[in-house]
Protein backbone atom coordinates (compact mmCIF):
# COMPACT_ATOMS: atom_id res chain seq x y z
CA MET A 1 10.71 -139.73 90.81
CA LYS A 2 9.95 -139.66 94.52
CA ARG A 3 6.50 -138.28 95.18
CA ILE A 4 4.52 -137.54 98.32
CA TYR A 5 1.33 -139.39 97.37
CA GLY A 6 0.70 -142.87 96.06
CA ALA A 7 0.49 -143.79 92.39
CA PHE A 8 -3.28 -143.15 92.17
CA ALA A 9 -2.82 -139.38 92.54
CA TYR A 10 -0.52 -139.31 89.52
CA SER A 11 -2.60 -141.61 87.33
CA ASP A 12 -5.38 -140.75 84.88
CA ALA A 13 -8.05 -141.89 87.35
CA PRO A 14 -8.63 -138.59 89.23
CA ARG A 15 -9.27 -136.75 85.96
CA ALA A 16 -11.18 -139.51 84.16
CA GLN A 17 -14.46 -137.55 84.20
CA CYS A 18 -13.03 -134.07 83.62
CA TRP A 19 -15.48 -131.87 81.71
CA TRP A 20 -12.73 -129.84 80.06
CA ASP A 21 -11.54 -132.93 78.21
CA GLN A 22 -14.82 -132.94 76.29
CA THR A 23 -14.33 -129.38 75.04
CA CYS A 24 -10.93 -129.34 73.37
CA ASP A 25 -8.53 -131.85 71.84
CA ILE A 26 -4.88 -131.87 72.83
CA PRO A 27 -2.49 -132.14 69.85
CA VAL A 28 -0.46 -135.33 69.70
CA ARG A 29 3.21 -134.68 70.41
CA GLY A 30 6.00 -137.19 70.43
CA ALA A 31 8.34 -138.12 73.26
CA LEU A 32 12.03 -137.30 73.43
CA GLU A 33 13.69 -140.33 71.83
CA GLN A 34 17.27 -139.18 71.38
CA ASN A 35 19.89 -137.07 73.07
CA GLU A 36 19.40 -133.36 72.54
CA THR A 37 20.79 -130.00 73.64
CA CYS A 38 19.10 -126.68 74.32
CA ASP A 39 19.65 -123.35 76.00
CA VAL A 40 16.89 -123.75 78.61
CA ALA A 41 15.08 -126.93 79.58
CA ILE A 42 11.69 -126.60 81.25
CA ILE A 43 10.24 -129.44 83.29
CA GLY A 44 6.44 -129.25 83.32
CA GLY A 45 3.91 -128.49 80.58
CA GLY A 46 1.37 -126.45 82.52
CA PHE A 47 0.69 -122.72 82.69
CA THR A 48 4.12 -121.93 84.17
CA GLY A 49 6.21 -124.13 81.91
CA ILE A 50 4.41 -123.28 78.67
CA SER A 51 4.42 -119.57 79.47
CA ALA A 52 8.16 -119.77 80.19
CA GLY A 53 8.72 -121.65 76.93
CA LEU A 54 6.74 -119.08 74.96
CA HIS A 55 8.58 -116.10 76.40
CA LEU A 56 11.98 -117.74 76.04
CA ALA A 57 11.31 -118.65 72.42
CA GLU A 58 10.14 -115.12 71.65
CA ALA A 59 13.46 -113.93 73.08
CA GLY A 60 15.30 -116.08 70.55
CA VAL A 61 16.28 -118.78 73.04
CA LYS A 62 16.21 -122.51 72.24
CA ALA A 63 13.72 -123.77 74.83
CA VAL A 64 12.56 -127.36 75.32
CA VAL A 65 9.60 -128.35 77.49
CA LEU A 66 9.52 -131.85 78.97
CA GLU A 67 6.03 -132.96 80.00
CA ASN A 68 5.52 -136.23 81.83
CA ARG A 69 2.12 -136.84 80.19
CA TYR A 70 0.69 -134.14 77.89
CA VAL A 71 0.22 -130.39 77.97
CA GLY A 72 -2.41 -129.49 80.56
CA TRP A 73 -2.61 -132.98 82.06
CA GLY A 74 -2.07 -131.66 85.58
CA ALA A 75 -3.82 -128.84 87.39
CA SER A 76 -3.53 -126.50 84.39
CA GLY A 77 -6.02 -128.60 82.43
CA ARG A 78 -8.40 -129.53 85.22
CA ASN A 79 -8.85 -126.43 87.44
CA GLY A 80 -11.95 -124.28 87.88
CA GLY A 81 -10.94 -121.74 85.23
CA PHE A 82 -10.75 -118.71 87.52
CA CYS A 83 -8.37 -116.11 86.09
CA CYS A 84 -8.31 -113.91 89.14
CA LEU A 85 -6.35 -112.14 91.84
CA GLY A 86 -4.40 -114.42 94.14
CA GLY A 87 -1.42 -116.71 94.22
CA GLY A 88 -0.44 -116.20 97.85
CA ARG A 89 -2.41 -116.48 101.05
CA LEU A 90 -0.79 -113.80 103.20
CA GLY A 91 -2.99 -110.84 104.01
CA ASP A 92 -1.92 -107.21 103.99
CA ALA A 93 -0.85 -107.11 107.63
CA ALA A 94 1.34 -110.20 107.29
CA LEU A 95 2.93 -108.93 104.07
CA ASP A 96 3.62 -105.55 105.67
CA ARG A 97 5.16 -107.20 108.70
CA LYS A 98 7.40 -109.54 106.71
CA PHE A 99 8.29 -107.46 103.67
CA GLY A 100 7.05 -103.90 104.20
CA ARG A 101 4.14 -101.97 102.74
CA GLU A 102 6.04 -101.04 99.57
CA ASP A 103 6.71 -104.67 98.66
CA ARG A 104 3.14 -105.59 99.53
CA LEU A 105 1.94 -103.11 96.93
CA VAL A 106 4.41 -104.56 94.42
CA TYR A 107 2.93 -107.99 95.04
CA ARG A 108 -0.61 -106.68 94.59
CA ALA A 109 0.52 -105.05 91.35
CA ALA A 110 1.87 -108.44 90.26
CA GLU A 111 -1.55 -110.00 90.86
CA MET A 112 -3.14 -107.43 88.54
CA ALA A 113 -0.34 -107.82 86.00
CA ALA A 114 -0.94 -111.58 86.01
CA ILE A 115 -4.58 -111.16 85.01
CA ASN A 116 -3.62 -108.62 82.39
CA LEU A 117 -1.03 -110.99 80.96
CA VAL A 118 -3.58 -113.76 80.43
CA ASP A 119 -5.95 -111.22 78.89
CA SER A 120 -3.26 -110.01 76.51
CA LEU A 121 -2.08 -113.52 75.58
CA THR A 122 -5.57 -114.71 74.69
CA LYS A 123 -6.13 -111.63 72.56
CA ARG A 124 -2.69 -111.61 70.93
CA PHE A 125 -2.93 -115.24 69.86
CA GLY A 126 -6.67 -115.31 69.23
CA ILE A 127 -7.36 -118.04 71.82
CA ASP A 128 -11.10 -118.56 72.30
CA VAL A 129 -11.41 -119.42 75.99
CA ASP A 130 -15.20 -119.08 76.48
CA ARG A 131 -14.55 -115.96 78.51
CA HIS A 132 -17.17 -114.57 80.86
CA SER A 133 -17.63 -112.81 84.25
CA ASN A 134 -16.85 -109.19 85.09
CA GLY A 135 -14.35 -109.80 87.86
CA GLU A 136 -15.22 -112.09 90.75
CA THR A 137 -17.61 -112.02 93.70
CA GLU A 138 -16.80 -113.25 97.20
CA LEU A 139 -19.85 -114.34 99.20
CA ALA A 140 -20.06 -114.14 103.00
CA HIS A 141 -20.51 -117.58 104.56
CA ARG A 142 -21.33 -116.14 108.02
CA PRO A 143 -22.64 -112.77 109.25
CA ARG A 144 -19.24 -111.81 110.65
CA ASP A 145 -17.68 -112.47 107.26
CA MET A 146 -19.78 -109.67 105.78
CA ALA A 147 -18.25 -107.31 108.32
CA ASP A 148 -14.83 -108.36 107.09
CA LEU A 149 -15.84 -107.78 103.47
CA ARG A 150 -16.85 -104.22 104.34
CA THR A 151 -13.34 -103.48 105.57
CA ARG A 152 -11.85 -104.83 102.35
CA VAL A 153 -13.36 -102.13 100.16
CA ALA A 154 -10.71 -99.63 101.24
CA GLN A 155 -7.98 -102.28 101.06
CA ILE A 156 -8.90 -103.18 97.48
CA LYS A 157 -8.74 -99.52 96.53
CA GLU A 158 -5.29 -99.16 98.10
CA ASN A 159 -3.91 -102.42 96.73
CA TYR A 160 -5.33 -102.43 93.23
CA GLY A 161 -6.82 -99.00 92.62
CA LEU A 162 -10.19 -100.65 92.07
CA ASP A 163 -13.65 -99.75 93.32
CA ALA A 164 -15.17 -102.88 94.84
CA THR A 165 -18.94 -103.16 95.20
CA LEU A 166 -20.68 -104.44 98.31
CA ILE A 167 -23.86 -106.45 97.84
CA GLU A 168 -26.12 -106.61 100.88
CA LYS A 169 -27.85 -109.88 101.76
CA ARG A 170 -31.24 -108.50 100.75
CA ASP A 171 -29.90 -107.65 97.28
CA LEU A 172 -28.24 -110.94 96.39
CA GLU A 173 -31.25 -112.40 94.62
CA ALA A 174 -31.61 -109.25 92.48
CA HIS A 175 -28.02 -109.87 91.32
CA GLY A 176 -28.86 -113.48 90.43
CA LEU A 177 -26.85 -114.77 93.40
CA LYS A 178 -29.51 -116.32 95.60
CA GLY A 179 -28.24 -118.70 98.27
CA PRO A 180 -27.43 -119.14 101.96
CA PHE A 181 -25.10 -116.14 102.03
CA HIS A 182 -24.95 -112.98 104.11
CA GLY A 183 -23.86 -110.60 101.37
CA GLY A 184 -21.02 -110.29 98.94
CA LEU A 185 -18.21 -108.21 97.50
CA THR A 186 -17.52 -107.86 93.79
CA ILE A 187 -13.99 -107.01 92.67
CA PRO A 188 -13.79 -105.87 89.02
CA ALA A 189 -10.66 -107.86 88.18
CA GLY A 190 -10.42 -111.15 86.35
CA PHE A 191 -12.64 -113.41 84.31
CA GLY A 192 -13.69 -117.02 83.89
CA LEU A 193 -12.24 -119.20 81.12
CA ASN A 194 -11.90 -122.73 79.83
CA PRO A 195 -8.43 -123.69 81.12
CA ARG A 196 -7.91 -126.52 78.63
CA LYS A 197 -8.60 -124.23 75.69
CA TYR A 198 -6.26 -121.64 77.17
CA ILE A 199 -3.32 -123.97 77.81
CA THR A 200 -3.80 -125.63 74.41
CA GLY A 201 -3.73 -122.27 72.62
CA LEU A 202 -0.76 -121.10 74.66
CA ALA A 203 1.22 -124.23 73.78
CA ALA A 204 0.45 -123.73 70.09
CA ALA A 205 1.73 -120.15 70.36
CA ALA A 206 4.91 -121.35 72.09
CA GLU A 207 5.61 -123.86 69.32
CA THR A 208 4.98 -121.26 66.63
CA ALA A 209 7.52 -119.02 68.40
CA GLY A 210 10.08 -121.85 68.25
CA ALA A 211 9.76 -123.74 71.55
CA LYS A 212 9.86 -127.53 71.40
CA ILE A 213 7.41 -129.53 73.52
CA TYR A 214 7.75 -133.24 74.26
CA HIS A 215 4.89 -135.34 75.66
CA ASP A 216 5.26 -138.58 77.62
CA THR A 217 8.76 -137.55 78.64
CA ALA A 218 9.39 -137.88 82.36
CA ALA A 219 12.41 -136.14 83.81
CA GLN A 220 13.90 -138.99 85.81
CA GLN A 221 17.11 -137.40 87.03
CA ILE A 222 18.80 -133.99 86.92
CA THR A 223 22.58 -133.97 87.10
CA GLN A 224 24.74 -130.87 87.17
CA VAL A 225 27.61 -131.03 84.68
CA GLY A 226 29.85 -127.99 84.92
CA ASP A 227 27.62 -124.93 84.76
CA GLY A 228 24.88 -126.82 82.93
CA TYR A 229 22.67 -129.86 83.46
CA GLU A 230 21.82 -133.24 82.03
CA ILE A 231 18.23 -134.40 82.37
CA ARG A 232 17.76 -138.13 81.98
CA THR A 233 14.48 -139.29 80.45
CA PRO A 234 13.30 -142.76 79.32
CA GLY A 235 14.18 -141.97 75.70
CA GLY A 236 17.29 -139.86 75.89
CA VAL A 237 19.31 -137.22 77.69
CA LEU A 238 18.55 -133.53 77.35
CA ARG A 239 21.57 -131.31 77.94
CA ALA A 240 20.75 -127.72 78.88
CA ALA A 241 22.69 -124.67 79.94
CA LYS A 242 19.84 -123.79 82.29
CA VAL A 243 16.83 -125.57 83.78
CA ILE A 244 13.45 -124.31 85.01
CA ILE A 245 11.35 -126.45 87.36
CA ALA A 246 7.65 -125.81 86.69
CA THR A 247 5.90 -128.83 88.18
CA ASN A 248 3.88 -127.15 90.98
CA GLY A 249 1.52 -129.62 92.74
CA TYR A 250 2.89 -132.52 90.70
CA SER A 251 6.48 -131.97 91.78
CA SER A 252 8.86 -134.67 92.98
CA GLU A 253 10.89 -134.72 96.17
CA ASP A 254 14.08 -135.39 94.22
CA LEU A 255 13.75 -133.23 91.09
CA PRO A 256 15.75 -131.47 92.42
CA THR A 257 16.39 -132.76 95.94
CA TRP A 258 16.18 -129.13 97.17
CA LEU A 259 12.39 -129.34 96.70
CA SER A 260 12.02 -132.12 99.25
CA GLY A 261 9.66 -131.01 102.01
CA ARG A 262 9.23 -127.50 100.56
CA TYR A 263 5.84 -127.82 98.82
CA MET A 264 2.52 -129.38 99.82
CA PRO A 265 0.08 -130.73 97.23
CA ALA A 266 -3.56 -130.64 98.33
CA GLN A 267 -6.61 -131.92 96.52
CA SER A 268 -9.27 -129.73 94.96
CA SER A 269 -12.38 -131.45 93.62
CA VAL A 270 -14.85 -130.25 90.98
CA ILE A 271 -18.25 -131.30 89.69
CA VAL A 272 -20.07 -129.98 86.61
CA THR A 273 -23.79 -130.29 85.92
CA ARG A 274 -25.58 -130.92 82.67
CA PRO A 275 -26.81 -127.71 80.99
CA LEU A 276 -29.48 -126.08 83.15
CA THR A 277 -32.73 -124.81 81.70
CA ALA A 278 -33.98 -121.25 82.12
CA LYS A 279 -36.69 -122.60 84.42
CA GLU A 280 -34.15 -124.41 86.62
CA LEU A 281 -32.00 -121.30 86.87
CA SER A 282 -35.01 -119.20 87.81
CA GLU A 283 -36.14 -121.69 90.46
CA ALA A 284 -32.74 -121.57 92.11
CA GLY A 285 -32.48 -117.78 91.79
CA TRP A 286 -29.01 -118.17 90.26
CA THR A 287 -28.65 -116.46 86.89
CA SER A 288 -25.39 -114.55 87.29
CA ASP A 289 -22.39 -115.15 85.05
CA GLN A 290 -20.04 -114.08 87.83
CA MET A 291 -17.31 -116.41 89.01
CA VAL A 292 -17.84 -116.75 92.73
CA TYR A 293 -16.20 -118.15 95.84
CA ASP A 294 -17.15 -118.07 99.51
CA THR A 295 -15.31 -116.95 102.62
CA ARG A 296 -14.63 -120.38 104.07
CA ASN A 297 -11.08 -121.50 104.74
CA LEU A 298 -11.80 -124.67 102.75
CA LEU A 299 -13.64 -122.60 100.23
CA HIS A 300 -16.21 -123.42 97.60
CA TYR A 301 -15.76 -121.89 94.15
CA PHE A 302 -18.45 -121.95 91.49
CA ARG A 303 -19.69 -120.32 88.32
CA LEU A 304 -22.43 -120.63 85.74
CA MET A 305 -20.63 -121.20 82.45
CA PRO A 306 -21.71 -119.84 79.04
CA ASP A 307 -23.36 -123.14 78.10
CA ARG A 308 -25.40 -122.94 81.34
CA ARG A 309 -23.58 -125.77 83.08
CA MET A 310 -22.77 -125.07 86.72
CA LEU A 311 -19.23 -125.73 87.86
CA PHE A 312 -18.83 -126.26 91.60
CA GLY A 313 -15.54 -126.96 93.33
CA MET A 314 -14.20 -127.40 96.83
CA ARG A 315 -10.81 -127.42 98.51
CA GLY A 316 -9.74 -129.74 101.26
CA GLY A 317 -8.59 -133.26 100.29
CA LEU A 318 -5.31 -134.71 101.57
CA MET A 319 -6.00 -138.39 100.89
CA THR A 320 -5.88 -140.20 97.57
CA GLY A 321 -7.06 -143.53 96.24
CA PRO A 322 -10.37 -144.72 94.79
CA THR A 323 -12.17 -144.68 98.14
CA ALA A 324 -10.87 -141.25 99.15
CA GLU A 325 -11.67 -139.89 95.71
CA GLY A 326 -15.23 -141.13 95.98
CA ARG A 327 -15.63 -139.57 99.43
CA ALA A 328 -14.32 -136.24 98.19
CA ILE A 329 -16.74 -136.11 95.27
CA THR A 330 -19.61 -137.14 97.54
CA ARG A 331 -18.73 -134.31 99.91
CA VAL A 332 -18.68 -131.80 97.07
CA ARG A 333 -22.07 -132.99 95.83
CA ARG A 334 -23.48 -132.81 99.36
CA ASP A 335 -22.39 -129.18 99.71
CA PHE A 336 -23.72 -128.39 96.24
CA ASP A 337 -27.15 -129.76 97.18
CA ALA A 338 -27.14 -127.80 100.44
CA MET A 339 -26.26 -124.57 98.67
CA PHE A 340 -28.63 -125.10 95.73
CA PRO A 341 -31.52 -127.27 96.98
CA ALA A 342 -33.55 -126.49 93.85
CA TRP A 343 -30.93 -128.46 91.88
CA SER A 344 -30.72 -131.48 94.18
CA GLY A 345 -32.06 -133.67 91.38
CA VAL A 346 -29.83 -132.22 88.66
CA GLU A 347 -27.25 -134.62 87.29
CA THR A 348 -23.54 -133.93 87.67
CA PRO A 349 -22.04 -136.30 85.08
CA TYR A 350 -18.56 -134.79 85.36
CA ALA A 351 -16.47 -135.00 88.51
CA TRP A 352 -12.71 -134.94 88.99
CA SER A 353 -9.87 -133.73 91.18
CA GLY A 354 -6.42 -132.22 90.90
CA MET A 355 -3.60 -130.95 93.08
CA VAL A 356 -3.10 -127.35 94.12
CA CYS A 357 0.26 -126.49 95.67
CA ILE A 358 0.83 -124.84 99.05
CA ALA A 359 4.01 -123.27 100.46
CA ARG A 360 4.91 -123.18 104.15
CA ASP A 361 5.22 -119.38 104.00
CA GLN A 362 1.96 -119.17 102.02
CA MET A 363 3.52 -117.32 99.08
CA PRO A 364 4.63 -118.42 95.60
CA PHE A 365 8.28 -118.88 94.81
CA VAL A 366 9.70 -117.55 91.55
CA GLY A 367 13.47 -117.42 91.43
CA CYS A 368 16.86 -119.13 91.55
CA VAL A 369 17.18 -122.41 93.43
CA PRO A 370 19.67 -121.72 96.25
CA ASP A 371 23.15 -123.15 95.81
CA HIS A 372 22.33 -124.42 92.30
CA LYS A 373 23.78 -122.27 89.56
CA ASN A 374 21.53 -121.97 86.49
CA LEU A 375 18.64 -123.85 88.14
CA PHE A 376 15.36 -122.00 88.60
CA ALA A 377 11.86 -122.76 89.88
CA ALA A 378 8.38 -121.26 89.93
CA LEU A 379 5.56 -122.90 91.90
CA CYS A 380 3.08 -122.76 94.81
CA TYR A 381 0.12 -120.67 93.67
CA HIS A 382 -2.33 -121.85 96.34
CA GLY A 383 -5.06 -122.72 93.88
CA ASN A 384 -4.81 -119.54 91.81
CA GLY A 385 -2.44 -120.61 89.08
CA VAL A 386 -4.30 -119.59 85.92
CA ALA A 387 -3.08 -116.01 86.18
CA MET A 388 -0.16 -116.27 88.61
CA GLY A 389 1.27 -119.40 86.97
CA SER A 390 1.21 -117.74 83.55
CA TYR A 391 2.82 -114.63 84.99
CA SER A 392 5.43 -116.58 86.95
CA GLY A 393 6.42 -118.43 83.79
CA ALA A 394 7.05 -115.13 82.03
CA MET A 395 9.02 -113.82 85.01
CA ILE A 396 11.17 -116.90 85.50
CA ALA A 397 12.06 -116.81 81.81
CA LYS A 398 13.54 -113.34 82.30
CA VAL A 399 15.27 -114.35 85.51
CA ALA A 400 16.83 -117.36 83.78
CA LEU A 401 18.13 -115.13 80.99
CA GLY A 402 19.56 -112.65 83.48
CA GLN A 403 17.34 -109.93 82.06
CA LEU A 404 15.93 -107.04 84.01
CA VAL A 405 12.44 -107.98 85.17
CA ASP A 406 10.50 -104.88 84.22
CA SER A 407 7.18 -106.29 85.45
CA PRO A 408 6.35 -106.30 89.18
CA TYR A 409 8.68 -108.82 90.83
CA PRO A 410 8.17 -108.55 94.60
CA LYS A 411 10.70 -109.70 97.17
CA SER A 412 7.97 -111.78 98.79
CA ILE A 413 8.05 -114.30 95.93
CA GLN A 414 11.83 -114.26 95.53
CA LYS A 415 12.28 -115.69 99.02
CA PRO A 416 13.19 -119.40 98.72
CA LEU A 417 10.62 -121.91 99.90
CA LYS A 418 10.82 -122.86 103.55
CA THR A 419 10.77 -126.51 104.59
CA PHE A 420 7.55 -127.77 106.16
CA GLU A 421 7.71 -129.18 109.65
CA PHE A 422 8.32 -132.95 109.59
CA GLY A 423 9.66 -132.70 106.02
CA SER A 424 8.74 -135.82 104.07
CA LEU A 425 6.20 -136.73 106.78
CA ARG A 426 4.34 -133.42 106.46
CA ARG A 427 1.24 -135.14 105.09
CA ALA A 428 0.72 -136.78 108.48
CA VAL A 429 0.11 -133.47 110.26
CA MET A 430 -1.74 -131.58 107.53
CA PRO A 431 -5.10 -133.32 108.22
CA LEU A 432 -5.06 -131.80 111.71
CA ALA A 433 -4.65 -128.34 110.22
CA TYR A 434 -7.44 -129.00 107.75
CA LEU A 435 -9.69 -130.23 110.55
CA GLY A 436 -9.10 -126.92 112.29
CA PHE A 437 -10.03 -125.06 109.09
CA ALA A 438 -13.20 -127.13 108.74
CA LEU A 439 -14.26 -126.45 112.32
CA ALA A 440 -13.61 -122.74 111.86
CA ASP A 441 -15.82 -122.77 108.77
CA ARG A 442 -18.91 -123.75 110.74
């Protein structure tokens, strides 16, 4: 595998202190140790790959998932647990300009359908995900951001048919959202969850339906043989009529080579406190169960979980290694203390990072890999993969089977990924873009 970062980013080190690992065991699964055949091979055991495996198995298809480590090892088992709207970063005007208003509304419908899918899957399979939060709240980082939030009320109604609620600055504390914010906007869509419990339950459902999942099975090479493929692994060769790539931020430049330069992994770091007392919550003026994020480009996302631990995350890292990891966590803690000074002495014993995945055109891709018959891919959710990754897995399963996709399937996510400028050297220029974002956030 040829990857864009050094070995540290793909080791256990960045997730060594992940809180989710304390909440749910991952079943032991064996590695592929012989040659095998299947109808559809899926590379990647996260939200996308497991969802694809589940939906393929329920359609009566022999599906095999190859996971390099274990189910949920990547971003799917270490994210902030926001099941929410999102997946792409293009606003309404850009979507209208590139794809037309009608397709923009189809994409917005897909965002809602993605949340509803996760909701239905957790209920259908009885997965206890520690669910909480009535939608999500966006908090204005600057006064001018509140003006922008006011304009979004009508947009949210048009896009999703939902009535968003504005919260003025003076009313934030009454909502249990005290902090250095200039107001907020609550959108009644989505909920918070424990991502490790969700992906673990989803994988169990996929296996019950008939999908086979292998752990510790790296896809080392994909070779087209006739209309099908051979996937070489350390323990054997998997022959498949069709292949789905579902590796997102942990993709490789050469699996397949078409992916080279077409995705950009970026670090997102998270800290979690010890359980907070009622007195500590009252002193900070933060008692809301809402999942929340702010209006910065390199945004903060945070939520008070059911056990009264505070989760606080931040986007922005493009460097890896022990020193860079330490700096990133220090930066997150610094911003946490600035936002919640009453908790500056509260311990944060859990801290980790993972890779989100960015596309040059700022939209997910879910479709056929160009010029590769029977090869499919779904990735690039821009840090919102709980819902959109699950949904994309279900969609790519139907696409791979040649079935009519009866759920919203916008043209904007069928467009193949565009190559980043400088290709394999794209990491060298991304820090300049992130510096611009950081300066704009001031």
